[in-house]
């Protein structure tokens, strides 16, 4: 009885390894693709330093696909919004 179990275990192991080998041989070869360099556009917008004006500009550029990446205080009176797309 134990001999039959051992034979069955070896048979299952052999079939499993054979199936795995077949899949490895017949499958698509793995090829690593180099990532394409992304190209970004940048836009710098000076705005009046009031909340409503800044919010309007942020919404306007955001709706066009621009992402705010930085805020710079140009001459300390007019903020510069720096967008990336």
C-alpha atoms as a PDB file:
ATOM      1  CA  UNK A   1       0.000   0.000   0.000  1.00  0.00           C
ATOM      2  CA  UNK A   2       2.805   2.373   0.898  1.00  0.00           C
ATOM      3  CA  UNK A   3       4.555   1.501  -2.355  1.00  0.00           C
ATOM      4  CA  UNK A   4       1.453   2.576  -4.310  1.00  0.00           C
ATOM      5  CA  UNK A   5       1.293   5.903  -2.448  1.00  0.00           C
ATOM      6  CA  UNK A   6       4.960   6.550  -3.104  1.00  0.00           C
ATOM      7  CA  UNK A   7       4.525   5.752  -6.793  1.00  0.00           C
ATOM      8  CA  UNK A   8       1.500   8.027  -6.997  1.00  0.00           C
ATOM      9  CA  UNK A   9       3.421  10.864  -5.297  1.00  0.00           C
ATOM     10  CA  UNK A  10       6.303  10.493  -7.777  1.00  0.00           C
ATOM     11  CA  UNK A  11       3.862  10.396 -10.664  1.00  0.00           C
ATOM     12  CA  UNK A  12       2.159  13.613  -9.504  1.00  0.00           C
ATOM     13  CA  UNK A  13       5.540  15.312  -8.971  1.00  0.00           C
ATOM     14  CA  UNK A  14       6.712  14.234 -12.435  1.00  0.00           C
ATOM     15  CA  UNK A  15       3.560  15.449 -14.156  1.00  0.00           C
ATOM     16  CA  UNK A  16       3.727  18.771 -12.275  1.00  0.00           C
ATOM     17  CA  UNK A  17       7.364  19.342 -13.188  1.00  0.00           C
ATOM     18  CA  UNK A  18       6.682  18.353 -16.783  1.00  0.00           C
ATOM     19  CA  UNK A  19       3.786  20.809 -17.004  1.00  0.00           C
ATOM     20  CA  UNK A  20       5.921  23.547 -15.487  1.00  0.00           C
ATOM     21  CA  UNK A  21       8.731  22.842 -17.939  1.00  0.00           C
ATOM     22  CA  UNK A  22       6.287  22.909 -20.843  1.00  0.00           C
ATOM     23  CA  UNK A  23       4.884  26.266 -19.729  1.00  0.00           C
ATOM     24  CA  UNK A  24       8.367  27.721 -19.355  1.00  0.00           C
ATOM     25  CA  UNK A  25       9.392  26.539 -22.824  1.00  0.00           C
ATOM     26  CA  UNK A  26       6.218  27.582 -24.603  1.00  0.00           C
ATOM     27  CA  UNK A  27       5.589  30.856 -22.767  1.00  0.00           C
ATOM     28  CA  UNK A  28       6.569  34.292 -23.984  1.00  0.00           C
ATOM     29  CA  UNK A  29      10.196  35.136 -23.255  1.00  0.00           C
ATOM     30  CA  UNK A  30      10.629  37.793 -20.616  1.00  0.00           C
ATOM     31  CA  UNK A  31      12.057  40.959 -22.068  1.00  0.00           C
ATOM     32  CA  UNK A  32      12.663  43.982 -19.930  1.00  0.00           C
ATOM     33  CA  UNK A  33      11.589  47.213 -21.560  1.00  0.00           C
ATOM     34  CA  UNK A  34      13.517  50.369 -20.944  1.00  0.00           C
ATOM     35  CA  UNK A  35      11.273  53.085 -19.639  1.00  0.00           C
ATOM     36  CA  UNK A  36      10.678  55.868 -22.067  1.00  0.00           C
ATOM     37  CA  UNK A  37      11.836  59.230 -20.896  1.00  0.00           C
ATOM     38  CA  UNK A  38       8.881  61.343 -19.907  1.00  0.00           C
ATOM     39  CA  UNK A  39       8.880  64.855 -21.192  1.00  0.00           C
ATOM     40  CA  UNK A  40       7.238  67.509 -19.100  1.00  0.00           C
ATOM     41  CA  UNK A  41       6.088  71.018 -19.817  1.00  0.00           C
ATOM     42  CA  UNK A  42       6.314  73.676 -17.150  1.00  0.00           C
ATOM     43  CA  UNK A  43       4.392  76.884 -16.790  1.00  0.00           C
ATOM     44  CA  UNK A  44       5.035  79.724 -14.331  1.00  0.00           C
ATOM     45  CA  UNK A  45       2.092  81.986 -13.578  1.00  0.00           C
ATOM     46  CA  UNK A  46       2.235  85.125 -11.456  1.00  0.00           C
ATOM     47  CA  UNK A  47      -1.010  85.796  -9.616  1.00  0.00           C
ATOM     48  CA  UNK A  48      -2.368  88.486  -7.338  1.00  0.00           C
ATOM     49  CA  UNK A  49      -1.908  87.462  -3.725  1.00  0.00           C
ATOM     50  CA  UNK A  50      -5.593  87.090  -2.890  1.00  0.00           C
ATOM     51  CA  UNK A  51      -7.213  83.743  -2.184  1.00  0.00           C
ATOM     52  CA  UNK A  52      -9.994  84.032  -4.757  1.00  0.00           C
ATOM     53  CA  UNK A  53      -7.611  84.858  -7.620  1.00  0.00           C
ATOM     54  CA  UNK A  54      -5.188  82.062  -6.676  1.00  0.00           C
ATOM     55  CA  UNK A  55      -8.036  79.547  -6.387  1.00  0.00           C
ATOM     56  CA  UNK A  56      -9.410  80.574  -9.779  1.00  0.00           C
ATOM     57  CA  UNK A  57      -5.986  80.078 -11.428  1.00  0.00           C
ATOM     58  CA  UNK A  58      -5.435  76.736  -9.661  1.00  0.00           C
ATOM     59  CA  UNK A  59      -8.819  75.428 -10.822  1.00  0.00           C
ATOM     60  CA  UNK A  60      -8.290  76.746 -14.346  1.00  0.00           C
ATOM     61  CA  UNK A  61      -4.910  75.084 -14.797  1.00  0.00           C
ATOM     62  CA  UNK A  62      -5.967  71.907 -12.974  1.00  0.00           C
ATOM     63  CA  UNK A  63      -8.906  71.475 -15.344  1.00  0.00           C
ATOM     64  CA  UNK A  64      -6.455  71.693 -18.262  1.00  0.00           C
ATOM     65  CA  UNK A  65      -4.309  68.857 -16.875  1.00  0.00           C
ATOM     66  CA  UNK A  66      -1.641  70.961 -15.173  1.00  0.00           C
ATOM     67  CA  UNK A  67      -0.342  69.925 -11.740  1.00  0.00           C
ATOM     68  CA  UNK A  68       0.891  72.494  -9.212  1.00  0.00           C
ATOM     69  CA  UNK A  69       4.440  71.547  -8.213  1.00  0.00           C
ATOM     70  CA  UNK A  70       5.686  74.646  -6.391  1.00  0.00           C
ATOM     71  CA  UNK A  71       4.816  78.134  -5.201  1.00  0.00           C
ATOM     72  CA  UNK A  72       7.505  80.757  -5.312  1.00  0.00           C
ATOM     73  CA  UNK A  73       7.230  84.252  -3.893  1.00  0.00           C
ATOM     74  CA  UNK A  74       8.687  86.273  -6.781  1.00  0.00           C
ATOM     75  CA  UNK A  75       9.238  89.783  -5.488  1.00  0.00           C
ATOM     76  CA  UNK A  76       7.464  88.969  -2.191  1.00  0.00           C
ATOM     77  CA  UNK A  77       4.209  90.563  -3.356  1.00  0.00           C
ATOM     78  CA  UNK A  78       3.140  88.341  -6.260  1.00  0.00           C
ATOM     79  CA  UNK A  79       3.222  84.572  -5.784  1.00  0.00           C
ATOM     80  CA  UNK A  80       4.368  82.459  -8.711  1.00  0.00           C
ATOM     81  CA  UNK A  81       2.519  79.210  -9.263  1.00  0.00           C
ATOM     82  CA  UNK A  82       4.671  76.617 -11.005  1.00  0.00           C
ATOM     83  CA  UNK A  83       2.741  73.948 -12.913  1.00  0.00           C
ATOM     84  CA  UNK A  84       3.878  70.759 -14.638  1.00  0.00           C
ATOM     85  CA  UNK A  85       2.136  68.738 -17.340  1.00  0.00           C
END
